[in-house]
Amino acid sequence: MTILSPNQAAPADYYQILFRTVFAEVKARYAHLVDDDVHHWLTNFPSITTDAQRLIARILIRKGPYLRVERLQYEDVCNEQDALI
């Protein structure tokens, strides 16, 4: 895992790898504590498209309760519309 310094731009896959790592750790250590829906989500996250993984990671780190689809534009996500499907 890359450790970023202040003012250093994150590599394109930084958040994707971070979330995959966290989800794998949660699944490995705490699978007995999560319900079936969460377990299914944690299990299937690695199999969705790269763009979808990156977009989910970006959405989860955003502030605020609302998202505007037209504002979901990230350099590391090639096709936001396909990732949303």
C-alpha atoms as a PDB file:
ATOM      1  CA  MET A   1       0.000   0.000   0.000  1.00  0.00           C
ATOM      2  CA  THR A   2       1.365   3.365  -0.992  1.00  0.00           C
ATOM      3  CA  ILE A   3       1.628   5.898   1.815  1.00  0.00           C
ATOM      4  CA  LEU A   4       0.916   9.408   0.604  1.00  0.00           C
ATOM      5  CA  SER A   5       2.564  12.530   1.884  1.00  0.00           C
ATOM      6  CA  PRO A   6       0.696  15.830   2.158  1.00  0.00           C
ATOM      7  CA  ASN A   7       0.088  17.480  -1.217  1.00  0.00           C
ATOM      8  CA  GLN A   8       0.974  14.253  -3.046  1.00  0.00           C
ATOM      9  CA  ALA A   9      -1.565  13.124  -5.619  1.00  0.00           C
ATOM     10  CA  ALA A  10      -2.902   9.634  -5.114  1.00  0.00           C
ATOM     11  CA  PRO A  11      -2.170   7.032  -7.799  1.00  0.00           C
ATOM     12  CA  ALA A  12      -5.198   6.108  -9.924  1.00  0.00           C
ATOM     13  CA  ASP A  13      -5.778   2.831  -8.072  1.00  0.00           C
ATOM     14  CA  TYR A  14      -5.065   4.130  -4.554  1.00  0.00           C
ATOM     15  CA  TYR A  15      -8.649   4.275  -3.214  1.00  0.00           C
ATOM     16  CA  GLN A  16      -9.658   1.107  -5.042  1.00  0.00           C
ATOM     17  CA  ILE A  17      -6.813  -0.860  -3.439  1.00  0.00           C
ATOM     18  CA  LEU A  18      -7.492   0.721  -0.050  1.00  0.00           C
ATOM     19  CA  PHE A  19     -11.148  -0.314  -0.109  1.00  0.00           C
ATOM     20  CA  ARG A  20     -10.386  -3.808  -1.440  1.00  0.00           C
ATOM     21  CA  THR A  21      -7.911  -4.254   1.415  1.00  0.00           C
ATOM     22  CA  VAL A  22     -10.328  -2.998   4.055  1.00  0.00           C
ATOM     23  CA  PHE A  23     -13.223  -5.081   2.714  1.00  0.00           C
ATOM     24  CA  ALA A  24     -11.072  -8.240   2.585  1.00  0.00           C
ATOM     25  CA  GLU A  25      -9.940  -7.630   6.165  1.00  0.00           C
ATOM     26  CA  VAL A  26     -13.495  -7.060   7.393  1.00  0.00           C
ATOM     27  CA  LYS A  27     -14.619 -10.239   5.639  1.00  0.00           C
ATOM     28  CA  ALA A  28     -11.727 -12.263   7.068  1.00  0.00           C
ATOM     29  CA  ARG A  29     -12.004 -11.015  10.655  1.00  0.00           C
ATOM     30  CA  TYR A  30     -15.631 -10.069  11.135  1.00  0.00           C
ATOM     31  CA  ALA A  31     -17.676 -12.218   8.738  1.00  0.00           C
ATOM     32  CA  HIS A  32     -19.521 -13.681  11.708  1.00  0.00           C
ATOM     33  CA  LEU A  33     -20.735 -10.207  12.713  1.00  0.00           C
ATOM     34  CA  VAL A  34     -22.156  -8.980   9.401  1.00  0.00           C
ATOM     35  CA  ASP A  35     -25.510  -9.912   7.908  1.00  0.00           C
ATOM     36  CA  ASP A  36     -25.909 -11.845   4.657  1.00  0.00           C
ATOM     37  CA  ASP A  37     -26.342  -8.705   2.524  1.00  0.00           C
ATOM     38  CA  VAL A  38     -23.098  -7.164   3.765  1.00  0.00           C
ATOM     39  CA  HIS A  39     -21.253 -10.474   3.425  1.00  0.00           C
ATOM     40  CA  HIS A  40     -22.513 -10.824  -0.155  1.00  0.00           C
ATOM     41  CA  TRP A  41     -21.406  -7.249  -0.917  1.00  0.00           C
ATOM     42  CA  LEU A  42     -17.936  -7.780   0.603  1.00  0.00           C
ATOM     43  CA  THR A  43     -17.536 -11.038  -1.312  1.00  0.00           C
ATOM     44  CA  ASN A  44     -18.596  -9.624  -4.675  1.00  0.00           C
ATOM     45  CA  PHE A  45     -16.828  -6.254  -4.560  1.00  0.00           C
ATOM     46  CA  PRO A  46     -13.585  -7.633  -6.107  1.00  0.00           C
ATOM     47  CA  SER A  47     -15.509  -9.069  -9.078  1.00  0.00           C
ATOM     48  CA  ILE A  48     -17.179  -5.831 -10.223  1.00  0.00           C
ATOM     49  CA  THR A  49     -15.486  -3.664 -12.837  1.00  0.00           C
ATOM     50  CA  THR A  50     -12.468  -1.549 -11.996  1.00  0.00           C
ATOM     51  CA  ASP A  51     -14.429   1.619 -12.755  1.00  0.00           C
ATOM     52  CA  ALA A  52     -17.263   0.507 -10.466  1.00  0.00           C
ATOM     53  CA  GLN A  53     -14.819  -0.273  -7.639  1.00  0.00           C
ATOM     54  CA  ARG A  54     -13.110   3.079  -8.017  1.00  0.00           C
ATOM     55  CA  LEU A  55     -16.406   4.961  -8.174  1.00  0.00           C
ATOM     56  CA  ILE A  56     -17.787   3.194  -5.082  1.00  0.00           C
ATOM     57  CA  ALA A  57     -14.609   4.030  -3.177  1.00  0.00           C
ATOM     58  CA  ARG A  58     -14.853   7.671  -4.240  1.00  0.00           C
ATOM     59  CA  ILE A  59     -18.549   7.880  -3.309  1.00  0.00           C
ATOM     60  CA  LEU A  60     -17.928   6.367   0.120  1.00  0.00           C
ATOM     61  CA  ILE A  61     -15.281   8.964   1.001  1.00  0.00           C
ATOM     62  CA  ARG A  62     -17.389  11.948  -0.091  1.00  0.00           C
ATOM     63  CA  LYS A  63     -18.903  14.274   2.488  1.00  0.00           C
ATOM     64  CA  GLY A  64     -22.576  14.996   2.696  1.00  0.00           C
ATOM     65  CA  PRO A  65     -25.695  12.904   2.361  1.00  0.00           C
ATOM     66  CA  TYR A  66     -26.488  13.741  -1.285  1.00  0.00           C
ATOM     67  CA  LEU A  67     -24.758  12.998  -4.570  1.00  0.00           C
ATOM     68  CA  ARG A  68     -25.340  14.552  -7.952  1.00  0.00           C
ATOM     69  CA  VAL A  69     -24.574  12.098 -10.732  1.00  0.00           C
ATOM     70  CA  GLU A  70     -23.314  14.851 -13.037  1.00  0.00           C
ATOM     71  CA  ARG A  71     -20.652  15.707 -10.418  1.00  0.00           C
ATOM     72  CA  LEU A  72     -19.245  12.189 -10.242  1.00  0.00           C
ATOM     73  CA  GLN A  73     -16.261  12.865 -12.456  1.00  0.00           C
ATOM     74  CA  TYR A  74     -12.908  11.410 -11.484  1.00  0.00           C
ATOM     75  CA  GLU A  75      -9.764  11.011 -13.545  1.00  0.00           C
ATOM     76  CA  ASP A  76      -9.304   7.439 -12.291  1.00  0.00           C
ATOM     77  CA  VAL A  77     -12.813   6.382 -13.418  1.00  0.00           C
ATOM     78  CA  CYS A  78     -12.945   6.078 -17.210  1.00  0.00           C
ATOM     79  CA  ASN A  79     -16.707   5.802 -17.605  1.00  0.00           C
ATOM     80  CA  GLU A  80     -18.826   6.916 -14.664  1.00  0.00           C
ATOM     81  CA  GLN A  81     -22.135   6.081 -16.360  1.00  0.00           C
ATOM     82  CA  ASP A  82     -21.137   2.462 -17.018  1.00  0.00           C
ATOM     83  CA  ALA A  83     -19.778   2.156 -13.479  1.00  0.00           C
ATOM     84  CA  LEU A  84     -23.155   3.204 -12.059  1.00  0.00           C
ATOM     85  CA  ILE A  85     -25.021   0.370 -13.787  1.00  0.00           C
END
